[in-house]
Amino acid sequence: MLLKRSIVRVQRMIEKNRPNKQHISRRVSGPPTVEEMRSTEEVIIKSVQYWYFPKEIQVLQNISSKDHMFQNRQSGHNRNKKLKRASSLFKLDPFLDEKGMLRVGCRLQKAA
């Protein structure tokens, strides 16, 4: 929680000091809003994911198929063929969601 609040403050300071202030839509003082906390949490999660899984994320970004893994099980199988078997994510059916966050779908698919 403290990390998120600190990052919100840094983001606010960056926007406050930005020379082109046309798109400032966030507050520059006061407590962080719920939306600021959510977006900051996404930034933290994506940063950690990219730190630990850069090759896997790059492979998933380069796959031209836009099929969502829940719509087509075969697309998930094809996607996993492109990931190296040495990857710890290989068996978990990884995919990138609409926000670019790394997700896994193994448990959800086995439940269906």
Protein backbone atom coordinates (compact mmCIF):
# COMPACT_ATOMS: atom_id res chain seq x y z
CA MET A 1 0.00 0.00 0.00
CA LEU A 2 2.83 2.40 0.87
CA LEU A 3 4.62 1.56 -2.38
CA LYS A 4 1.47 2.30 -4.41
CA ARG A 5 0.94 5.63 -2.65
CA SER A 6 4.57 6.60 -3.26
CA ILE A 7 4.33 5.75 -6.95
CA VAL A 8 1.11 7.78 -7.24
CA ARG A 9 2.96 10.76 -5.75
CA VAL A 10 5.83 10.32 -8.23
CA GLN A 11 3.39 10.07 -11.15
CA ARG A 12 1.62 13.22 -9.98
CA MET A 13 4.93 15.07 -9.69
CA ILE A 14 5.91 14.01 -13.20
CA GLU A 15 2.60 15.21 -14.63
CA LYS A 16 2.75 18.46 -12.65
CA ASN A 17 6.22 19.25 -14.07
CA ARG A 18 5.45 18.08 -17.61
CA PRO A 19 5.90 20.97 -20.06
CA ASN A 20 2.88 19.98 -22.17
CA LYS A 21 0.04 20.02 -19.63
CA GLN A 22 -2.83 19.53 -22.08
CA HIS A 23 -3.76 16.04 -20.93
CA ILE A 24 -3.64 16.41 -17.17
CA SER A 25 -6.70 14.65 -15.90
CA ARG A 26 -5.46 13.55 -12.51
CA ARG A 27 -5.31 15.47 -9.29
CA VAL A 28 -2.02 16.93 -8.17
CA SER A 29 -2.68 16.94 -4.41
CA GLY A 30 -4.72 15.15 -1.79
CA PRO A 31 -5.04 11.44 -1.11
CA PRO A 32 -4.73 9.03 -4.04
CA THR A 33 -7.98 8.15 -5.79
CA VAL A 34 -9.14 4.58 -6.28
CA GLU A 35 -8.43 4.84 -10.02
CA GLU A 36 -4.88 6.09 -9.38
CA MET A 37 -4.28 3.18 -7.00
CA ARG A 38 -5.61 0.66 -9.55
CA SER A 39 -3.52 2.01 -12.40
CA THR A 40 -0.45 2.12 -10.17
CA GLU A 41 -1.02 -1.49 -9.13
CA GLU A 42 -1.16 -2.47 -12.81
CA VAL A 43 2.12 -0.65 -13.45
CA ILE A 44 3.76 -2.51 -10.55
CA ILE A 45 2.42 -5.90 -11.68
CA LYS A 46 3.47 -5.38 -15.30
CA SER A 47 6.95 -4.24 -14.21
CA VAL A 48 7.47 -7.32 -12.02
CA GLN A 49 6.14 -9.62 -14.74
CA TYR A 50 8.45 -8.11 -17.34
CA TRP A 51 11.38 -8.42 -14.93
CA TYR A 52 10.81 -12.16 -14.37
CA PHE A 53 9.28 -13.23 -17.71
CA PRO A 54 10.66 -10.95 -20.45
CA LYS A 55 11.11 -13.69 -23.07
CA GLU A 56 7.66 -15.16 -22.49
CA ILE A 57 6.00 -11.76 -22.71
CA GLN A 58 7.90 -10.97 -25.91
CA VAL A 59 6.77 -14.25 -27.49
CA LEU A 60 3.16 -13.63 -26.49
CA GLN A 61 3.30 -10.07 -27.87
CA ASN A 62 4.70 -11.28 -31.18
CA ILE A 63 2.01 -13.87 -31.78
CA SER A 64 -0.16 -12.49 -34.51
CA SER A 65 -3.26 -14.43 -33.49
CA LYS A 66 -5.71 -12.25 -31.61
CA ASP A 67 -7.91 -15.18 -30.55
CA HIS A 68 -8.68 -15.02 -26.87
CA MET A 69 -7.77 -18.25 -25.12
CA PHE A 70 -11.25 -18.71 -23.66
CA GLN A 71 -12.86 -18.50 -27.09
CA ASN A 72 -10.70 -21.10 -28.78
CA ARG A 73 -8.82 -23.87 -26.97
CA GLN A 74 -6.83 -24.62 -30.12
CA SER A 75 -5.37 -21.10 -30.15
CA GLY A 76 -4.06 -21.72 -26.62
CA HIS A 77 -2.44 -24.94 -27.81
CA ASN A 78 -0.83 -23.14 -30.76
CA ARG A 79 0.35 -20.34 -28.49
CA ASN A 80 2.02 -22.81 -26.14
CA LYS A 81 3.86 -24.44 -29.04
CA LYS A 82 5.69 -21.15 -29.56
CA LEU A 83 6.75 -20.91 -25.91
CA LYS A 84 9.81 -22.86 -24.98
CA ARG A 85 9.21 -25.95 -22.89
CA ALA A 86 11.91 -24.72 -20.52
CA SER A 87 9.65 -21.83 -19.52
CA SER A 88 8.01 -22.23 -16.12
CA LEU A 89 4.82 -20.83 -17.66
CA PHE A 90 4.60 -23.41 -20.45
CA LYS A 91 2.04 -25.71 -18.81
CA LEU A 92 -0.05 -22.87 -17.37
CA ASP A 93 -1.45 -21.68 -20.73
CA PRO A 94 -0.19 -18.06 -20.45
CA PHE A 95 -1.73 -15.16 -22.36
CA LEU A 96 -1.70 -11.37 -22.32
CA ASP A 97 -4.97 -9.69 -21.44
CA GLU A 98 -6.31 -6.51 -23.04
CA LYS A 99 -4.16 -4.38 -20.70
CA GLY A 100 -0.98 -6.27 -21.52
CA MET A 101 -0.82 -8.11 -18.22
CA LEU A 102 0.42 -11.68 -18.19
CA ARG A 103 -2.28 -14.14 -17.13
CA VAL A 104 -2.49 -17.92 -16.91
CA GLY A 105 -5.59 -19.97 -17.64
CA CYS A 106 -4.78 -23.52 -16.60
CA ARG A 107 -7.06 -23.82 -13.57
CA LEU A 108 -9.98 -22.10 -15.28
CA GLN A 109 -9.85 -24.43 -18.26
CA LYS A 110 -9.66 -27.55 -16.13
CA ALA A 111 -12.74 -26.40 -14.20
CA ALA A 112 -14.86 -26.20 -17.37
